Amino acid sequence: MKLAVILPAYNAENFITECLDSLLNQTFSDFCILAVNDASTDNTGKILENYAAKDARLRVYHLPQNQGEPAVMQFAMDMLNYMNVEYVARMDADDICKPNRFEVEYNWLKTHKDYDLVGSWVDEFSDDKMVVKTKRKVPEQNEEIKRYAQYRCPVNHPTVMYRKAAVLAAGGYLTEYFPEDYFLWLRMLKNGSKFYNIQDSLLWFRYSEDTVGKRGGWKYACDEVRILEKMLKMGFIPFHVFCQSVVIRFTTRVMPLPIRKRLYKLIRKT
């Protein structure tokens, strides 16, 4: 296989069929999917097994206990150590790929040997993917991405495709930090990896009120500060950016949910 796709899944029975259909009907077909069922309590595991019985590209792993996304991602990366595959793509069980996503991203990395990661914009929707609420845009060129990364996550995680070797060289997904993807991108950029974001949407991202709720609270705020401390120690941000970001991010994460929802909508428009 030229490409492996990591698909974490937890209690996604209401969405995962759309996700799998979008993956298995890509214009680029030379890939396998590592679907990790994180001890779901609904029918997610059964749906995955039914699809796997029909398409050999889907490989399903069932975890005995719920471990959370960082651990699931590292589990999948460990599985990839036994596979002769150069490129890895990321997907979420409640999102939907556009038909040409893998073809566009694979061809881009294949023709840009000095880059380690490519991502794209996403179209955010609630119920109907054809009713797009907003586009989540991210900067295009590597230098823009590095500057942007000082303040916000510079890529849309469900859209990325990267070289396996570059992720492993940066230490992979560390389970003690959340958001684990953001900290991985920082370490890769610090390692000298070059990123690129395609300036078009290659994925429909399912947005709900729960999305904002999950991105707040005391623990999330403390994790943000811990990552900022790491960014400062590794020389990724200067001290004044550290102080500014601590105030903004911590305040945002602990503010009441209705206010955070309004702020989230405002940020999505900028």
Protein backbone atom coordinates (compact mmCIF):
# COMPACT_ATOMS: atom_id res chain seq x y z
CA MET A 1 0.00 0.00 0.00
CA LYS A 2 1.16 3.54 -0.76
CA LEU A 3 -0.88 5.11 2.03
CA ALA A 4 -2.25 4.21 5.47
CA VAL A 5 -5.22 6.06 6.95
CA ILE A 6 -5.67 6.30 10.72
CA LEU A 7 -9.31 6.40 11.80
CA PRO A 8 -10.03 6.62 15.57
CA ALA A 9 -13.65 5.79 16.39
CA TYR A 10 -15.63 6.09 19.61
CA ASN A 11 -19.44 5.92 19.81
CA ALA A 12 -19.77 7.17 16.23
CA GLU A 13 -22.64 4.97 15.03
CA ASN A 14 -24.65 8.00 13.84
CA PHE A 15 -21.90 9.27 11.54
CA ILE A 16 -19.38 6.58 10.72
CA THR A 17 -21.15 5.15 7.67
CA GLU A 18 -20.86 8.51 5.86
CA CYS A 19 -17.23 8.69 6.90
CA LEU A 20 -16.40 5.18 5.65
CA ASP A 21 -18.29 5.66 2.38
CA SER A 22 -16.28 8.81 1.71
CA LEU A 23 -13.01 6.98 2.42
CA LEU A 24 -13.73 3.84 0.42
CA ASN A 25 -14.88 5.78 -2.64
CA GLN A 26 -11.85 8.02 -3.10
CA THR A 27 -10.45 8.66 -6.59
CA PHE A 28 -7.14 7.37 -5.16
CA SER A 29 -7.56 3.76 -4.02
CA ASP A 30 -4.11 2.37 -3.11
CA PHE A 31 -4.44 2.62 0.69
CA CYS A 32 -5.46 0.74 3.80
CA ILE A 33 -7.46 2.06 6.75
CA LEU A 34 -6.45 1.37 10.34
CA ALA A 35 -9.73 1.83 12.20
CA VAL A 36 -9.26 1.79 15.97
CA ASN A 37 -12.48 1.26 17.91
CA ASP A 38 -11.78 2.87 21.28
CA ALA A 39 -14.06 0.57 23.34
CA SER A 40 -17.28 2.05 21.95
CA THR A 41 -20.47 1.26 23.86
CA ASP A 42 -22.74 1.61 20.80
CA ASN A 43 -22.74 -0.17 17.42
CA THR A 44 -19.57 1.47 16.09
CA GLY A 45 -17.56 -1.76 16.31
CA LYS A 46 -20.23 -3.78 14.48
CA ILE A 47 -20.49 -1.21 11.69
CA LEU A 48 -16.71 -1.27 11.23
CA GLU A 49 -16.66 -5.07 11.09
CA ASN A 50 -19.48 -5.13 8.52
CA TYR A 51 -17.58 -2.73 6.27
CA ALA A 52 -14.32 -4.67 6.78
CA ALA A 53 -16.04 -7.86 5.61
CA LYS A 54 -16.83 -6.15 2.32
CA ASP A 55 -13.58 -4.25 1.73
CA ALA A 56 -10.18 -5.72 2.64
CA ARG A 57 -8.62 -2.27 2.77
CA LEU A 58 -10.32 -1.70 6.14
CA ARG A 59 -8.51 -3.22 9.13
CA VAL A 60 -10.29 -2.96 12.47
CA TYR A 61 -8.68 -2.96 15.91
CA HIS A 62 -10.80 -3.11 19.07
CA LEU A 63 -9.35 -1.69 22.28
CA PRO A 64 -10.62 -3.35 25.51
CA GLN A 65 -10.81 -0.06 27.42
CA ASN A 66 -11.45 3.50 26.36
CA GLN A 67 -8.10 5.29 26.16
CA GLY A 68 -8.82 8.59 24.43
CA GLU A 69 -7.60 9.95 21.12
CA PRO A 70 -3.90 10.58 21.95
CA ALA A 71 -3.42 6.96 23.03
CA VAL A 72 -5.39 5.71 20.02
CA MET A 73 -3.20 7.70 17.64
CA GLN A 74 -0.02 6.37 19.21
CA PHE A 75 -1.43 2.82 19.09
CA ALA A 76 -2.02 3.24 15.36
CA MET A 77 1.47 4.66 14.83
CA ASP A 78 2.88 1.62 16.63
CA MET A 79 0.97 -0.62 14.21
CA LEU A 80 2.48 1.29 11.31
CA ASN A 81 5.96 0.31 12.47
CA TYR A 82 5.19 -3.15 11.06
CA MET A 83 3.95 -1.80 7.72
CA ASN A 84 6.04 -0.76 4.75
CA VAL A 85 4.21 2.48 4.10
CA GLU A 86 5.65 5.96 3.60
CA TYR A 87 2.56 8.15 3.77
CA VAL A 88 -0.08 8.40 6.50
CA ALA A 89 -3.39 10.27 6.42
CA ARG A 90 -5.62 11.26 9.32
CA MET A 91 -9.40 11.04 9.50
CA ASP A 92 -12.12 11.53 12.14
CA ALA A 93 -15.13 9.21 12.35
CA ASP A 94 -17.67 12.04 12.21
CA ASP A 95 -16.17 13.88 9.22
CA ILE A 96 -16.54 13.30 5.47
CA CYS A 97 -13.74 13.33 2.89
CA LYS A 98 -14.26 14.96 -0.46
CA PRO A 99 -13.77 12.38 -3.24
CA ASN A 100 -10.39 13.65 -4.45
CA ARG A 101 -8.79 14.38 -1.08
CA PHE A 102 -6.25 11.54 -1.06
CA GLU A 103 -5.37 11.96 -4.73
CA VAL A 104 -4.64 15.68 -4.31
CA GLU A 105 -2.63 15.30 -1.10
CA TYR A 106 -0.68 12.22 -2.21
CA ASN A 107 0.31 13.80 -5.50
CA TRP A 108 1.35 16.98 -3.74
CA LEU A 109 3.68 15.20 -1.29
CA LYS A 110 4.98 12.95 -4.05
CA THR A 111 6.08 15.94 -6.12
CA HIS A 112 7.41 18.01 -3.18
CA LYS A 113 10.09 15.81 -1.68
CA ASP A 114 11.27 18.47 0.80
CA TYR A 115 7.88 18.71 2.52
CA ASP A 116 6.70 16.35 5.28
CA LEU A 117 3.05 17.34 5.74
CA VAL A 118 0.19 18.68 3.67
CA GLY A 119 -3.26 19.71 4.86
CA SER A 120 -6.16 21.80 3.60
CA TRP A 121 -9.08 23.99 4.55
CA VAL A 122 -12.34 22.38 5.74
CA ASP A 123 -16.00 23.11 5.15
CA GLU A 124 -17.81 23.17 8.49
CA PHE A 125 -21.40 21.89 8.64
CA SER A 126 -23.92 20.75 11.24
CA ASP A 127 -26.43 18.33 9.71
CA ASP A 128 -26.26 18.58 5.93
CA LYS A 129 -22.75 18.72 4.43
CA MET A 130 -24.10 20.68 1.48
CA VAL A 131 -25.09 23.49 3.86
CA VAL A 132 -21.66 24.87 4.73
CA LYS A 133 -21.64 27.22 7.70
CA THR A 134 -18.06 28.45 7.27
CA LYS A 135 -14.68 27.51 5.88
CA ARG A 136 -11.93 26.94 8.41
CA LYS A 137 -8.96 28.48 6.64
CA VAL A 138 -5.30 27.96 7.51
CA PRO A 139 -2.19 29.64 6.06
CA GLU A 140 -0.56 28.26 2.91
CA GLN A 141 3.23 28.51 2.95
CA ASN A 142 5.64 27.01 5.48
CA GLU A 143 6.92 30.33 6.89
CA GLU A 144 3.35 31.58 7.33
CA ILE A 145 2.45 28.32 9.02
CA LYS A 146 5.37 28.59 11.47
CA ARG A 147 4.36 32.13 12.47
CA TYR A 148 0.70 31.15 12.79
CA ALA A 149 1.68 28.14 14.94
CA GLN A 150 2.92 30.49 17.65
CA TYR A 151 -0.69 31.44 18.37
CA ARG A 152 -3.00 28.77 16.96
CA CYS A 153 -2.91 25.26 15.53
CA PRO A 154 -1.62 25.76 11.96
CA VAL A 155 -3.28 22.77 10.26
CA ASN A 156 -6.68 21.09 10.34
CA HIS A 157 -5.88 17.71 11.89
CA PRO A 158 -8.51 15.59 10.03
CA THR A 159 -7.13 16.79 6.68
CA VAL A 160 -3.44 16.03 7.10
CA MET A 161 -1.28 13.60 5.18
CA TYR A 162 2.33 13.23 6.26
CA ARG A 163 5.47 11.19 5.89
CA LYS A 164 5.53 8.52 8.58
CA ALA A 165 9.28 8.91 9.12
CA ALA A 166 8.95 12.62 9.98
CA VAL A 167 6.28 11.98 12.63
CA LEU A 168 8.28 9.17 14.19
CA ALA A 169 11.41 11.36 14.20
CA ALA A 170 9.48 13.96 16.22
CA GLY A 171 8.41 11.37 18.80
CA GLY A 172 4.91 10.65 17.51
CA TYR A 173 1.73 11.48 19.41
CA LEU A 174 2.54 12.05 23.08
CA THR A 175 -0.35 10.91 25.25
CA GLU A 176 0.37 13.24 28.17
CA TYR A 177 -0.43 16.38 26.18
CA PHE A 178 -3.72 17.66 24.80
CA PRO A 179 -4.30 18.81 22.14
CA GLU A 180 -1.76 16.18 21.11
CA ASP A 181 -1.84 17.03 17.40
CA TYR A 182 -0.85 20.67 17.96
CA PHE A 183 2.15 19.67 20.06
CA LEU A 184 3.20 17.16 17.38
CA TRP A 185 3.11 19.83 14.65
CA LEU A 186 5.23 22.14 16.83
CA ARG A 187 7.86 19.45 17.36
CA MET A 188 7.91 18.59 13.65
CA LEU A 189 8.35 22.23 12.66
CA LYS A 190 11.10 22.59 15.24
CA ASN A 191 12.75 19.49 13.73
CA GLY A 192 12.87 21.23 10.36
CA SER A 193 9.82 19.64 8.71
CA LYS A 194 8.12 21.79 6.09
CA PHE A 195 4.32 22.07 5.94
CA TYR A 196 1.92 23.18 3.23
CA ASN A 197 -1.84 23.84 3.34
CA ILE A 198 -3.82 23.51 0.12
CA GLN A 199 -5.98 26.59 -0.21
CA ASP A 200 -9.17 24.71 -0.82
CA SER A 201 -11.48 22.52 1.26
CA LEU A 202 -10.87 18.77 0.94
CA LEU A 203 -13.07 17.69 3.85
CA TRP A 204 -16.47 18.36 5.39
CA PHE A 205 -15.97 18.92 9.12
CA ARG A 206 -18.95 18.17 11.35
CA TYR A 207 -19.45 21.04 13.79
CA SER A 208 -21.80 20.92 16.76
CA GLU A 209 -22.35 22.75 20.01
CA ASP A 210 -20.59 19.84 21.74
CA THR A 211 -17.40 20.73 19.84
CA VAL A 212 -17.06 23.98 21.75
CA GLY A 213 -18.01 22.34 25.04
CA LYS A 214 -15.19 19.81 24.70
CA ARG A 215 -12.66 22.58 24.16
CA GLY A 216 -13.06 24.20 27.51
CA GLY A 217 -12.77 23.64 31.22
CA TRP A 218 -10.01 23.67 33.79
CA LYS A 219 -8.12 20.62 32.50
CA TYR A 220 -8.11 21.85 28.90
CA ALA A 221 -6.89 25.27 30.08
CA CYS A 222 -4.06 23.71 32.09
CA ASP A 223 -3.03 21.55 29.12
CA GLU A 224 -2.86 24.68 26.97
CA VAL A 225 -0.53 26.34 29.49
CA ARG A 226 1.66 23.23 29.66
CA ILE A 227 2.06 23.24 25.88
CA LEU A 228 2.90 26.95 25.94
CA GLU A 229 5.57 26.25 28.56
CA LYS A 230 7.03 23.58 26.28
CA MET A 231 6.91 25.99 23.33
CA LEU A 232 8.85 28.55 25.36
CA LYS A 233 11.47 26.02 26.52
CA MET A 234 12.02 24.66 23.03
CA GLY A 235 12.50 28.18 21.70
CA PHE A 236 9.42 28.14 19.48
CA ILE A 237 7.95 31.33 20.98
CA PRO A 238 9.52 34.36 22.70
CA PHE A 239 8.61 35.23 26.29
CA HIS A 240 6.20 38.06 25.41
CA VAL A 241 4.19 35.72 23.15
CA PHE A 242 4.14 33.15 25.95
CA CYS A 243 2.70 35.68 28.43
CA GLN A 244 0.16 36.98 25.94
CA SER A 245 -0.97 33.48 24.94
CA VAL A 246 -1.29 32.24 28.52
CA VAL A 247 -3.67 35.07 29.36
CA ILE A 248 -5.76 34.69 26.20
CA ARG A 249 -5.94 30.90 26.03
CA PHE A 250 -6.45 30.25 29.73
CA THR A 251 -9.17 32.89 29.96
CA THR A 252 -10.89 31.54 26.87
CA ARG A 253 -10.93 27.94 28.11
CA VAL A 254 -12.38 28.72 31.56
CA MET A 255 -14.97 31.32 30.52
CA PRO A 256 -18.66 30.35 30.61
CA LEU A 257 -19.76 28.15 27.71
CA PRO A 258 -22.24 30.63 26.11
CA ILE A 259 -19.51 33.28 25.87
CA ARG A 260 -17.00 30.75 24.54
CA LYS A 261 -19.47 29.69 21.85
CA ARG A 262 -19.81 33.28 20.64
CA LEU A 263 -16.06 33.73 20.64
CA TYR A 264 -15.58 30.46 18.76
CA LYS A 265 -17.97 31.62 16.02
CA LEU A 266 -16.11 34.93 15.76
CA ILE A 267 -12.73 33.20 15.43
CA ARG A 268 -14.10 30.88 12.75
CA LYS A 269 -14.96 33.92 10.63
CA THR A 270 -11.43 35.37 10.83
